[in-house]
Amino acid sequence: MDTKTLARVNNVSIVLTSDENNRKLIPIKPICEALGIDIDSQRQKLNEDDFLSSVTVLSTATGADGKQYEMVCLPYEFIFGWLFTINPKNVKEEAREAVAKYWIECYKALFYYFSSQSEFLEEKQKLIDEKIIAYDKVSEDFKQAEKNLKQAKIDLYKAKDFTYEEWKEAKRQKEIPFPEE
C-alpha cells in the first residue's frame, strides 16, 4: 500500500493511501486530530449518512507514529464533501479560520458549477442568434447572386447567338442590344 502526504495541518500529516484495489483513500483520523474534532462522533456521522456510509471503508494506514493501523477512510473524491459537513464552530480555535475559508470556497465552487452551465447556455444562445442573422444574410446574398448568375448566363447566350445580320440592323438603328452594366 502506497502512502503519500497531501498536506500538513496543525502539525498533523493528511495522507493519501491506496488499498489492494488501488483506490485512493484518506484516513479521517488525522484530519479530525488536526481540526480538534472528535473522531468517534465523525465515525457516527459517517455511519448515519446514507451515502457516505456506503463509501466509507476500513483500511490499513500509517499512523503519526509510523505504525500500521486499521482506520476509517473515505475515497479521495468524497473527502472534500465530508469536510464541508464540518462546522467551523466545532473545530479548535487555530483551525476555525481555515475551515471557514474552506466553506466559502465550497460555496463558491458549487455556485460556479451550477451557474456556469446556465451562463454557457445564455452565451451559446447569443452566438446562435448572431450566426442565424449572418446565415440569413449570406443566404439572401446567395439567392441574389444566383439570380445575377442566371441573368448573366442568359446575356452570355444572347451575345453568343448574336448574328452579323442582327449587328448590322442594330448599327443602322444605332442600338446594340448588349446589356448595360
Foldseek 3Di string as FASTA:
>chain_A
DDKDFPDAAQNFTFIWDAAPVRFTKTFCVSVCVSFVHDPVVLVVVQCPDPPSVVQWDFDWDAHPVRDTDTGTIGGPVCPLVSLLPDQLVRTDPVCSVVSVVSNVVVVVVVCCVVVVVVVVVVVVVVVVVVVVVVVVVVVVVVVVVVVVVVVVVVLVVCVVPDDPVNVVVCVVVVHDPRDDD
